[in-house]
Amino acid sequence: RSRAPGAIEPKAQEAMSAFFGALEAETDRPLLCKNNALNASAHLVAPPLPTARFICIERPREALALSLLMARLDIHGDARVPYGLRGDDQQPGDHPIEDVCRQVLYHEALGRLQAERLGPERFIRVRFEEICRDPRGFVTLVGQRVLGESPDFASTDPVLAPFATTPRPDTAELRQRIEDTFTRMAGSG
């Protein structure tokens, strides 16, 4: 989906509450769901799901812009065809790099807005680099903040070693163009 909903109808809220409530009662476990659109609609989902917690993983601007650009190429075969959640006023154009940079700025604004709306107890913002640098710390954070308990690493992965991401070497020029675009946008805004 490319647009966030403005509201969730009362019947849909009741259905969500009933479904996820039954699932939680049946499994006595939390449900983990990756859904980028929740960055825009967590405040709508939160009321009917009072035990829900939202983890917003924030990537560096350039990395997210490159990822969105590559998704356009991989999924649509055309960098001008949008992919992912976009602002209502954002129209695709003939400048895909500027378009994905605006999309990234929109996502950053959404993360700040949801954090203000829901507070840090329900909307947890985590930097991607921190997860890579300290995955054990991230699992501990989620265990404590979401489940109210510390994870038992001995029964899962006692090491949970840090890892590094390395950019694809064939994207160096694109990364530079993205960085230059962000710099130019900051200077004009």
N, C-alpha and C. Protein backbone atom coordinates (compact mmCIF):
# COMPACT_ATOMS: atom_id res chain seq x y z
N ARG A 1 0.83 -1.17 0.00
CA ARG A 1 0.00 0.00 0.00
C ARG A 1 0.87 1.23 0.00
N SER A 2 0.39 2.26 -0.61
CA SER A 2 1.18 3.48 -0.70
C SER A 2 0.64 4.62 0.15
N ARG A 3 -0.56 4.49 0.68
CA ARG A 3 -1.16 5.56 1.49
C ARG A 3 -1.65 4.98 2.82
N ALA A 4 -1.55 5.79 3.86
CA ALA A 4 -2.02 5.37 5.17
C ALA A 4 -3.51 5.67 5.30
N PRO A 5 -4.25 4.83 5.99
CA PRO A 5 -5.66 5.13 6.19
C PRO A 5 -5.84 6.32 7.12
N GLY A 6 -6.93 7.04 6.94
CA GLY A 6 -7.23 8.18 7.81
C GLY A 6 -7.94 7.77 9.08
N ALA A 7 -8.58 6.61 9.03
CA ALA A 7 -9.35 6.13 10.19
C ALA A 7 -9.58 4.63 10.03
N ILE A 8 -9.97 3.99 11.12
CA ILE A 8 -10.38 2.59 11.09
C ILE A 8 -11.83 2.57 11.58
N GLU A 9 -12.70 2.04 10.76
CA GLU A 9 -14.12 2.01 11.09
C GLU A 9 -14.36 1.24 12.40
N PRO A 10 -15.37 1.62 13.17
CA PRO A 10 -15.65 0.94 14.45
C PRO A 10 -15.81 -0.58 14.33
N LYS A 11 -16.50 -1.04 13.28
CA LYS A 11 -16.66 -2.50 13.12
C LYS A 11 -15.30 -3.18 12.90
N ALA A 12 -14.44 -2.55 12.14
CA ALA A 12 -13.10 -3.10 11.90
C ALA A 12 -12.29 -3.09 13.19
N GLN A 13 -12.46 -2.04 14.01
CA GLN A 13 -11.76 -1.98 15.30
C GLN A 13 -12.22 -3.13 16.20
N GLU A 14 -13.53 -3.36 16.22
CA GLU A 14 -14.08 -4.46 17.04
C GLU A 14 -13.55 -5.80 16.55
N ALA A 15 -13.49 -5.99 15.24
CA ALA A 15 -13.00 -7.24 14.67
C ALA A 15 -11.51 -7.43 15.00
N MET A 16 -10.74 -6.35 14.91
CA MET A 16 -9.32 -6.43 15.25
C MET A 16 -9.15 -6.84 16.71
N SER A 17 -9.89 -6.17 17.57
CA SER A 17 -9.79 -6.44 19.00
C SER A 17 -10.17 -7.90 19.30
N ALA A 18 -11.24 -8.37 18.69
CA ALA A 18 -11.68 -9.75 18.93
C ALA A 18 -10.66 -10.75 18.40
N PHE A 19 -10.17 -10.54 17.19
CA PHE A 19 -9.22 -11.49 16.58
C PHE A 19 -7.92 -11.55 17.37
N PHE A 20 -7.29 -10.38 17.57
CA PHE A 20 -6.00 -10.38 18.25
C PHE A 20 -6.15 -10.71 19.73
N GLY A 21 -7.27 -10.36 20.35
CA GLY A 21 -7.53 -10.75 21.73
C GLY A 21 -7.63 -12.27 21.87
N ALA A 22 -8.34 -12.90 20.94
CA ALA A 22 -8.46 -14.36 20.96
C ALA A 22 -7.10 -15.02 20.71
N LEU A 23 -6.34 -14.48 19.79
CA LEU A 23 -5.02 -15.03 19.49
C LEU A 23 -4.11 -14.91 20.71
N GLU A 24 -4.14 -13.76 21.36
CA GLU A 24 -3.31 -13.55 22.55
C GLU A 24 -3.73 -14.50 23.67
N ALA A 25 -5.04 -14.68 23.85
CA ALA A 25 -5.53 -15.59 24.90
C ALA A 25 -5.16 -17.04 24.58
N GLU A 26 -5.26 -17.41 23.32
CA GLU A 26 -4.96 -18.79 22.91
C GLU A 26 -3.48 -19.13 23.05
N THR A 27 -2.62 -18.24 22.62
CA THR A 27 -1.19 -18.55 22.59
C THR A 27 -0.44 -18.09 23.83
N ASP A 28 -1.02 -17.12 24.55
CA ASP A 28 -0.34 -16.50 25.69
C ASP A 28 1.03 -15.98 25.27
N ARG A 29 1.12 -15.60 24.03
CA ARG A 29 2.34 -15.07 23.46
C ARG A 29 2.04 -13.84 22.63
N PRO A 30 2.99 -12.95 22.51
CA PRO A 30 2.78 -11.79 21.64
C PRO A 30 2.92 -12.19 20.18
N LEU A 31 2.32 -11.42 19.34
CA LEU A 31 2.43 -11.60 17.90
C LEU A 31 3.36 -10.53 17.38
N LEU A 32 4.37 -10.93 16.64
CA LEU A 32 5.29 -9.99 16.04
C LEU A 32 4.96 -9.87 14.57
N CYS A 33 4.78 -8.66 14.13
CA CYS A 33 4.37 -8.43 12.75
C CYS A 33 5.19 -7.29 12.17
N LYS A 34 5.82 -7.52 11.04
CA LYS A 34 6.54 -6.45 10.35
C LYS A 34 5.56 -5.79 9.39
N ASN A 35 5.32 -4.52 9.62
CA ASN A 35 4.37 -3.79 8.77
C ASN A 35 4.80 -2.34 8.72
N ASN A 36 5.45 -1.96 7.63
CA ASN A 36 5.95 -0.59 7.51
C ASN A 36 4.84 0.45 7.59
N ALA A 37 3.64 0.11 7.17
CA ALA A 37 2.54 1.07 7.18
C ALA A 37 2.13 1.45 8.61
N LEU A 38 2.48 0.65 9.59
CA LEU A 38 2.16 1.00 10.98
C LEU A 38 2.90 2.25 11.42
N ASN A 39 3.95 2.61 10.73
CA ASN A 39 4.64 3.85 11.04
C ASN A 39 3.69 5.04 10.86
N ALA A 40 2.71 4.87 10.00
CA ALA A 40 1.74 5.95 9.75
C ALA A 40 0.42 5.74 10.48
N SER A 41 0.11 4.53 10.89
CA SER A 41 -1.21 4.27 11.44
C SER A 41 -1.20 3.62 12.83
N ALA A 42 -0.07 3.63 13.51
CA ALA A 42 -0.01 3.03 14.85
C ALA A 42 -1.03 3.68 15.78
N HIS A 43 -1.23 4.98 15.66
CA HIS A 43 -2.19 5.68 16.53
C HIS A 43 -3.62 5.23 16.27
N LEU A 44 -3.89 4.69 15.09
CA LEU A 44 -5.23 4.17 14.79
C LEU A 44 -5.39 2.73 15.29
N VAL A 45 -4.31 1.98 15.26
CA VAL A 45 -4.34 0.58 15.68
C VAL A 45 -4.26 0.46 17.20
N ALA A 46 -3.60 1.41 17.84
CA ALA A 46 -3.37 1.32 19.28
C ALA A 46 -4.64 1.25 20.13
N PRO A 47 -5.68 2.07 19.89
CA PRO A 47 -6.85 2.00 20.77
C PRO A 47 -7.57 0.64 20.79
N PRO A 48 -7.82 0.01 19.64
CA PRO A 48 -8.49 -1.29 19.73
C PRO A 48 -7.57 -2.43 20.18
N LEU A 49 -6.27 -2.19 20.19
CA LEU A 49 -5.30 -3.21 20.63
C LEU A 49 -4.46 -2.65 21.77
N PRO A 50 -5.05 -2.58 22.97
CA PRO A 50 -4.39 -1.89 24.08
C PRO A 50 -3.08 -2.53 24.55
N THR A 51 -2.84 -3.79 24.23
CA THR A 51 -1.57 -4.41 24.64
C THR A 51 -0.50 -4.32 23.54
N ALA A 52 -0.86 -3.75 22.39
CA ALA A 52 0.09 -3.65 21.28
C ALA A 52 1.20 -2.66 21.60
N ARG A 53 2.40 -3.04 21.18
CA ARG A 53 3.56 -2.16 21.24
C ARG A 53 4.10 -2.09 19.82
N PHE A 54 4.65 -0.95 19.47
CA PHE A 54 5.13 -0.72 18.12
C PHE A 54 6.62 -0.41 18.17
N ILE A 55 7.40 -1.11 17.38
CA ILE A 55 8.84 -0.89 17.32
C ILE A 55 9.15 -0.32 15.94
N CYS A 56 9.62 0.90 15.94
CA CYS A 56 9.96 1.58 14.69
C CYS A 56 11.47 1.50 14.52
N ILE A 57 11.90 0.73 13.55
CA ILE A 57 13.33 0.60 13.26
C ILE A 57 13.70 1.67 12.25
N GLU A 58 14.57 2.56 12.68
CA GLU A 58 14.95 3.71 11.85
C GLU A 58 16.32 3.47 11.23
N ARG A 59 16.34 3.60 9.92
CA ARG A 59 17.59 3.40 9.18
C ARG A 59 18.20 4.75 8.83
N PRO A 60 19.48 4.77 8.55
CA PRO A 60 20.08 6.02 8.06
C PRO A 60 19.38 6.47 6.78
N ARG A 61 19.24 7.77 6.62
CA ARG A 61 18.52 8.32 5.47
C ARG A 61 18.99 7.73 4.15
N GLU A 62 20.28 7.77 3.92
CA GLU A 62 20.81 7.33 2.63
C GLU A 62 20.52 5.85 2.39
N ALA A 63 20.64 5.04 3.44
CA ALA A 63 20.39 3.61 3.30
C ALA A 63 18.92 3.33 2.99
N LEU A 64 18.02 4.04 3.66
CA LEU A 64 16.59 3.84 3.40
C LEU A 64 16.24 4.31 1.99
N ALA A 65 16.77 5.45 1.58
CA ALA A 65 16.49 5.95 0.23
C ALA A 65 16.98 4.96 -0.82
N LEU A 66 18.17 4.43 -0.63
CA LEU A 66 18.70 3.45 -1.58
C LEU A 66 17.84 2.20 -1.60
N SER A 67 17.41 1.75 -0.45
CA SER A 67 16.56 0.57 -0.36
C SER A 67 15.24 0.79 -1.10
N LEU A 68 14.63 1.96 -0.92
CA LEU A 68 13.37 2.26 -1.61
C LEU A 68 13.58 2.34 -3.12
N LEU A 69 14.70 2.92 -3.52
CA LEU A 69 15.00 3.02 -4.95
C LEU A 69 15.22 1.63 -5.55
N MET A 70 15.97 0.79 -4.85
CA MET A 70 16.23 -0.57 -5.35
C MET A 70 14.93 -1.40 -5.37
N ALA A 71 14.05 -1.17 -4.41
CA ALA A 71 12.77 -1.88 -4.40
C ALA A 71 11.95 -1.51 -5.63
N ARG A 72 11.96 -0.24 -6.01
CA ARG A 72 11.26 0.19 -7.21
C ARG A 72 11.78 -0.57 -8.43
N LEU A 73 13.09 -0.68 -8.51
CA LEU A 73 13.69 -1.39 -9.66
C LEU A 73 13.40 -2.89 -9.60
N ASP A 74 13.57 -3.48 -8.42
CA ASP A 74 13.37 -4.93 -8.28
C ASP A 74 11.91 -5.34 -8.46
N ILE A 75 11.00 -4.54 -7.93
CA ILE A 75 9.58 -4.91 -7.95
C ILE A 75 8.89 -4.45 -9.23
N HIS A 76 9.15 -3.21 -9.62
CA HIS A 76 8.45 -2.64 -10.78
C HIS A 76 9.29 -2.60 -12.05
N GLY A 77 10.61 -2.73 -11.90
CA GLY A 77 11.47 -2.63 -13.06
C GLY A 77 11.64 -1.20 -13.56
N ASP A 78 11.19 -0.23 -12.78
CA ASP A 78 11.24 1.16 -13.21
C ASP A 78 11.36 2.03 -11.95
N ALA A 79 12.45 2.78 -11.86
CA ALA A 79 12.68 3.62 -10.68
C ALA A 79 11.67 4.73 -10.52
N ARG A 80 10.92 5.05 -11.58
CA ARG A 80 9.93 6.12 -11.50
C ARG A 80 8.60 5.66 -10.90
N VAL A 81 8.41 4.34 -10.79
CA VAL A 81 7.17 3.80 -10.22
C VAL A 81 7.35 3.64 -8.71
N PRO A 82 6.54 4.35 -7.92
CA PRO A 82 6.72 4.35 -6.47
C PRO A 82 6.55 2.97 -5.83
N TYR A 83 7.22 2.82 -4.71
CA TYR A 83 7.07 1.65 -3.86
C TYR A 83 7.01 2.13 -2.42
N GLY A 84 6.08 1.60 -1.67
CA GLY A 84 6.01 1.88 -0.24
C GLY A 84 5.14 3.06 0.12
N LEU A 85 5.06 3.29 1.39
CA LEU A 85 4.23 4.33 1.97
C LEU A 85 4.75 5.71 1.60
N ARG A 86 3.83 6.55 1.16
CA ARG A 86 4.17 7.89 0.70
C ARG A 86 3.19 8.90 1.28
N GLY A 87 3.62 10.15 1.34
CA GLY A 87 2.75 11.21 1.81
C GLY A 87 1.64 11.48 0.81
N ASP A 88 0.51 11.95 1.31
CA ASP A 88 -0.64 12.23 0.44
C ASP A 88 -0.32 13.25 -0.64
N ASP A 89 0.57 14.18 -0.33
CA ASP A 89 0.90 15.23 -1.29
C ASP A 89 2.07 14.86 -2.20
N GLN A 90 2.62 13.68 -2.00
CA GLN A 90 3.79 13.27 -2.78
C GLN A 90 3.36 12.58 -4.07
N GLN A 91 3.69 13.20 -5.18
CA GLN A 91 3.37 12.65 -6.50
C GLN A 91 4.65 12.15 -7.15
N PRO A 92 4.60 10.97 -7.77
CA PRO A 92 5.81 10.48 -8.44
C PRO A 92 6.15 11.40 -9.61
N GLY A 93 7.43 11.51 -9.87
CA GLY A 93 7.86 12.36 -10.97
C GLY A 93 8.95 11.69 -11.77
N ASP A 94 9.65 12.49 -12.52
CA ASP A 94 10.74 11.98 -13.34
C ASP A 94 12.08 12.03 -12.62
N HIS A 95 12.05 12.31 -11.33
CA HIS A 95 13.28 12.39 -10.54
C HIS A 95 13.20 11.39 -9.39
N PRO A 96 13.43 10.10 -9.67
CA PRO A 96 13.25 9.07 -8.64
C PRO A 96 14.09 9.28 -7.38
N ILE A 97 15.30 9.81 -7.52
CA ILE A 97 16.13 9.99 -6.33
C ILE A 97 15.53 11.07 -5.43
N GLU A 98 15.08 12.17 -6.01
CA GLU A 98 14.42 13.20 -5.20
C GLU A 98 13.14 12.64 -4.57
N ASP A 99 12.44 11.84 -5.32
CA ASP A 99 11.19 11.26 -4.84
C ASP A 99 11.44 10.36 -3.62
N VAL A 100 12.43 9.47 -3.68
CA VAL A 100 12.67 8.59 -2.53
C VAL A 100 13.23 9.39 -1.36
N CYS A 101 13.98 10.44 -1.63
CA CYS A 101 14.47 11.29 -0.53
C CYS A 101 13.30 11.96 0.19
N ARG A 102 12.33 12.46 -0.57
CA ARG A 102 11.13 13.05 0.06
C ARG A 102 10.37 11.97 0.84
N GLN A 103 10.34 10.76 0.31
CA GLN A 103 9.67 9.66 0.97
C GLN A 103 10.35 9.35 2.31
N VAL A 104 11.66 9.37 2.34
CA VAL A 104 12.41 9.13 3.57
C VAL A 104 12.10 10.22 4.60
N LEU A 105 12.09 11.47 4.17
CA LEU A 105 11.77 12.56 5.09
C LEU A 105 10.36 12.41 5.65
N TYR A 106 9.45 11.94 4.82
CA TYR A 106 8.08 11.66 5.26
C TYR A 106 8.08 10.58 6.35
N HIS A 107 8.85 9.51 6.14
CA HIS A 107 8.93 8.44 7.14
C HIS A 107 9.53 8.94 8.45
N GLU A 108 10.54 9.78 8.36
CA GLU A 108 11.13 10.33 9.58
C GLU A 108 10.11 11.16 10.36
N ALA A 109 9.35 11.97 9.64
CA ALA A 109 8.31 12.78 10.28
C ALA A 109 7.24 11.89 10.91
N LEU A 110 6.88 10.81 10.24
CA LEU A 110 5.89 9.89 10.78
C LEU A 110 6.37 9.27 12.09
N GLY A 111 7.63 8.85 12.12
CA GLY A 111 8.18 8.26 13.34
C GLY A 111 8.09 9.22 14.51
N ARG A 112 8.45 10.49 14.27
CA ARG A 112 8.36 11.49 15.33
C ARG A 112 6.92 11.70 15.78
N LEU A 113 6.00 11.78 14.81
CA LEU A 113 4.59 12.02 15.12
C LEU A 113 4.00 10.86 15.92
N GLN A 114 4.27 9.63 15.52
CA GLN A 114 3.73 8.48 16.26
C GLN A 114 4.30 8.42 17.67
N ALA A 115 5.58 8.74 17.82
CA ALA A 115 6.19 8.76 19.15
C ALA A 115 5.51 9.79 20.04
N GLU A 116 5.18 10.95 19.47
CA GLU A 116 4.46 11.98 20.23
C GLU A 116 3.05 11.51 20.60
N ARG A 117 2.38 10.87 19.66
CA ARG A 117 0.99 10.44 19.88
C ARG A 117 0.89 9.32 20.91
N LEU A 118 1.79 8.36 20.84
CA LEU A 118 1.67 7.16 21.66
C LEU A 118 2.60 7.11 22.86
N GLY A 119 3.63 7.91 22.85
CA GLY A 119 4.60 7.90 23.94
C GLY A 119 5.58 6.75 23.81
N PRO A 120 6.69 6.86 24.52
CA PRO A 120 7.77 5.86 24.40
C PRO A 120 7.43 4.48 24.96
N GLU A 121 6.37 4.39 25.76
CA GLU A 121 5.99 3.08 26.29
C GLU A 121 5.37 2.20 25.19
N ARG A 122 4.69 2.84 24.25
CA ARG A 122 4.00 2.06 23.21
C ARG A 122 4.67 2.15 21.85
N PHE A 123 5.38 3.23 21.59
CA PHE A 123 6.03 3.41 20.30
C PHE A 123 7.53 3.55 20.54
N ILE A 124 8.24 2.47 20.30
CA ILE A 124 9.66 2.38 20.61
C ILE A 124 10.46 2.60 19.33
N ARG A 125 11.31 3.60 19.35
CA ARG A 125 12.14 3.92 18.18
C ARG A 125 13.55 3.38 18.42
N VAL A 126 14.05 2.62 17.45
CA VAL A 126 15.37 2.01 17.58
C VAL A 126 16.14 2.23 16.28
N ARG A 127 17.38 2.62 16.41
CA ARG A 127 18.24 2.80 15.24
C ARG A 127 18.72 1.44 14.74
N PHE A 128 18.66 1.24 13.44
CA PHE A 128 19.09 -0.01 12.82
C PHE A 128 20.54 -0.34 13.18
N GLU A 129 21.40 0.69 13.19
CA GLU A 129 22.81 0.46 13.49
C GLU A 129 23.00 -0.09 14.90
N GLU A 130 22.13 0.34 15.84
CA GLU A 130 22.22 -0.16 17.21
C GLU A 130 21.86 -1.64 17.27
N ILE A 131 20.88 -2.04 16.49
CA ILE A 131 20.50 -3.45 16.45
C ILE A 131 21.67 -4.27 15.93
N CYS A 132 22.32 -3.78 14.87
CA CYS A 132 23.47 -4.49 14.29
C CYS A 132 24.63 -4.54 15.28
N ARG A 133 24.90 -3.40 15.93
CA ARG A 133 26.02 -3.30 16.86
C ARG A 133 25.81 -4.16 18.10
N ASP A 134 24.55 -4.20 18.58
CA ASP A 134 24.26 -4.89 19.83
C ASP A 134 22.92 -5.63 19.75
N PRO A 135 22.87 -6.72 18.97
CA PRO A 135 21.60 -7.44 18.85
C PRO A 135 21.09 -7.99 20.18
N ARG A 136 22.00 -8.37 21.04
CA ARG A 136 21.60 -8.87 22.36
C ARG A 136 20.90 -7.77 23.15
N GLY A 137 21.42 -6.55 23.07
CA GLY A 137 20.80 -5.42 23.75
C GLY A 137 19.41 -5.13 23.20
N PHE A 138 19.26 -5.27 21.88
CA PHE A 138 17.95 -5.04 21.27
C PHE A 138 16.95 -6.09 21.74
N VAL A 139 17.35 -7.35 21.76
CA VAL A 139 16.46 -8.42 22.23
C VAL A 139 16.10 -8.19 23.70
N THR A 140 17.06 -7.74 24.48
CA THR A 140 16.81 -7.43 25.89
C THR A 140 15.81 -6.28 26.01
N LEU A 141 16.02 -5.23 25.23
CA LEU A 141 15.10 -4.09 25.24
C LEU A 141 13.68 -4.52 24.92
N VAL A 142 13.52 -5.31 23.86
CA VAL A 142 12.19 -5.77 23.47
C VAL A 142 11.60 -6.67 24.56
N GLY A 143 12.40 -7.58 25.08
CA GLY A 143 11.91 -8.46 26.14
C GLY A 143 11.41 -7.67 27.35
N GLN A 144 12.19 -6.72 27.77
CA GLN A 144 11.82 -5.95 28.96
C GLN A 144 10.67 -4.99 28.70
N ARG A 145 10.73 -4.26 27.58
CA ARG A 145 9.73 -3.22 27.32
C ARG A 145 8.42 -3.79 26.80
N VAL A 146 8.47 -4.90 26.07
CA VAL A 146 7.25 -5.46 25.49
C VAL A 146 6.69 -6.59 26.35
N LEU A 147 7.56 -7.48 26.82
CA LEU A 147 7.09 -8.63 27.59
C LEU A 147 7.20 -8.44 29.10
N GLY A 148 7.97 -7.45 29.52
CA GLY A 148 8.16 -7.23 30.95
C GLY A 148 9.07 -8.26 31.58
N GLU A 149 9.94 -8.87 30.80
CA GLU A 149 10.88 -9.85 31.35
C GLU A 149 12.15 -9.86 30.52
N SER A 150 13.22 -10.30 31.15
CA SER A 150 14.49 -10.40 30.42
C SER A 150 14.53 -11.72 29.67
N PRO A 151 15.11 -11.70 28.48
CA PRO A 151 15.17 -12.94 27.70
C PRO A 151 16.14 -13.95 28.31
N ASP A 152 15.85 -15.21 28.05
CA ASP A 152 16.70 -16.31 28.50
C ASP A 152 17.62 -16.68 27.33
N PHE A 153 18.77 -16.03 27.26
CA PHE A 153 19.68 -16.27 26.15
C PHE A 153 20.26 -17.67 26.16
N ALA A 154 20.40 -18.26 27.33
CA ALA A 154 20.99 -19.60 27.41
C ALA A 154 20.15 -20.62 26.66
N SER A 155 18.84 -20.42 26.62
CA SER A 155 17.99 -21.40 25.93
C SER A 155 17.76 -21.04 24.46
N THR A 156 18.27 -19.91 24.02
CA THR A 156 18.09 -19.53 22.62
C THR A 156 19.44 -19.43 21.93
N ASP A 157 20.00 -18.26 21.92
CA ASP A 157 21.29 -18.03 21.29
C ASP A 157 22.17 -17.29 22.28
N PRO A 158 23.04 -18.00 23.00
CA PRO A 158 23.82 -17.34 24.04
C PRO A 158 24.79 -16.29 23.49
N VAL A 159 25.14 -16.36 22.22
CA VAL A 159 26.11 -15.43 21.66
C VAL A 159 25.42 -14.18 21.12
N LEU A 160 24.52 -14.38 20.19
CA LEU A 160 23.82 -13.28 19.52
C LEU A 160 24.80 -12.16 19.19
N ALA A 161 25.75 -12.51 18.34
CA ALA A 161 26.89 -11.64 18.03
C ALA A 161 26.50 -10.43 17.18
N PRO A 162 27.22 -9.34 17.35
CA PRO A 162 27.02 -8.17 16.50
C PRO A 162 27.30 -8.52 15.04
N PHE A 163 26.74 -7.74 14.16
CA PHE A 163 27.01 -7.96 12.74
C PHE A 163 27.09 -6.61 12.05
N ALA A 164 27.73 -6.64 10.92
CA ALA A 164 27.91 -5.40 10.15
C ALA A 164 27.21 -5.53 8.82
N THR A 165 26.68 -4.44 8.37
CA THR A 165 26.12 -4.41 7.02
C THR A 165 27.12 -3.69 6.13
N THR A 166 27.23 -4.16 4.94
CA THR A 166 28.14 -3.53 3.99
C THR A 166 27.35 -3.16 2.75
N PRO A 167 27.51 -1.94 2.29
CA PRO A 167 26.77 -1.53 1.10
C PRO A 167 27.27 -2.29 -0.13
N ARG A 168 26.35 -2.52 -1.03
CA ARG A 168 26.73 -3.17 -2.28
C ARG A 168 27.69 -2.26 -3.02
N PRO A 169 28.79 -2.81 -3.53
CA PRO A 169 29.77 -1.96 -4.20
C PRO A 169 29.23 -1.32 -5.48
N ASP A 170 28.24 -1.94 -6.11
CA ASP A 170 27.71 -1.39 -7.36
C ASP A 170 26.75 -0.23 -7.15
N THR A 171 26.57 0.20 -5.90
CA THR A 171 25.64 1.30 -5.63
C THR A 171 26.35 2.57 -5.16
N ALA A 172 27.66 2.61 -5.24
CA ALA A 172 28.42 3.77 -4.73
C ALA A 172 27.96 5.07 -5.38
N GLU A 173 27.78 5.08 -6.70
CA GLU A 173 27.36 6.31 -7.38
C GLU A 173 25.95 6.72 -6.94
N LEU A 174 25.04 5.75 -6.84
CA LEU A 174 23.68 6.06 -6.38
C LEU A 174 23.69 6.62 -4.97
N ARG A 175 24.47 6.01 -4.09
CA ARG A 175 24.56 6.49 -2.71
C ARG A 175 25.04 7.94 -2.67
N GLN A 176 26.02 8.25 -3.51
CA GLN A 176 26.53 9.62 -3.55
C GLN A 176 25.46 10.59 -4.07
N ARG A 177 24.73 10.20 -5.09
CA ARG A 177 23.67 11.05 -5.62
C ARG A 177 22.57 11.27 -4.58
N ILE A 178 22.26 10.23 -3.82
CA ILE A 178 21.25 10.33 -2.76
C ILE A 178 21.74 11.29 -1.68
N GLU A 179 22.99 11.13 -1.26
CA GLU A 179 23.55 12.01 -0.23
C GLU A 179 23.55 13.47 -0.71
N ASP A 180 23.95 13.69 -1.97
CA ASP A 180 23.94 15.05 -2.54
C ASP A 180 22.52 15.62 -2.58
N THR A 181 21.54 14.77 -2.88
CA THR A 181 20.15 15.22 -2.94
C THR A 181 19.65 15.64 -1.56
N PHE A 182 19.96 14.86 -0.54
CA PHE A 182 19.57 15.24 0.83
C PHE A 182 20.23 16.57 1.22
N THR A 183 21.48 16.73 0.88
CA THR A 183 22.19 17.98 1.19
C THR A 183 21.52 19.16 0.49
N ARG A 184 21.21 18.99 -0.78
CA ARG A 184 20.54 20.05 -1.54
C ARG A 184 19.15 20.36 -0.96
N MET A 185 18.40 19.31 -0.60
CA MET A 185 17.07 19.51 -0.03
C MET A 185 17.13 20.26 1.30
N ALA A 186 18.13 19.97 2.10
CA ALA A 186 18.28 20.65 3.39
C ALA A 186 18.60 22.12 3.18
N GLY A 187 19.36 22.42 2.13
CA GLY A 187 19.72 23.79 1.84
C GLY A 187 18.58 24.60 1.27
N SER A 188 17.61 23.91 0.64
CA SER A 188 16.50 24.64 0.03
C SER A 188 15.28 24.70 0.94
N GLY A 189 15.30 24.00 2.06
CA GLY A 189 14.11 23.95 2.89
C GLY A 189 14.31 24.61 4.17
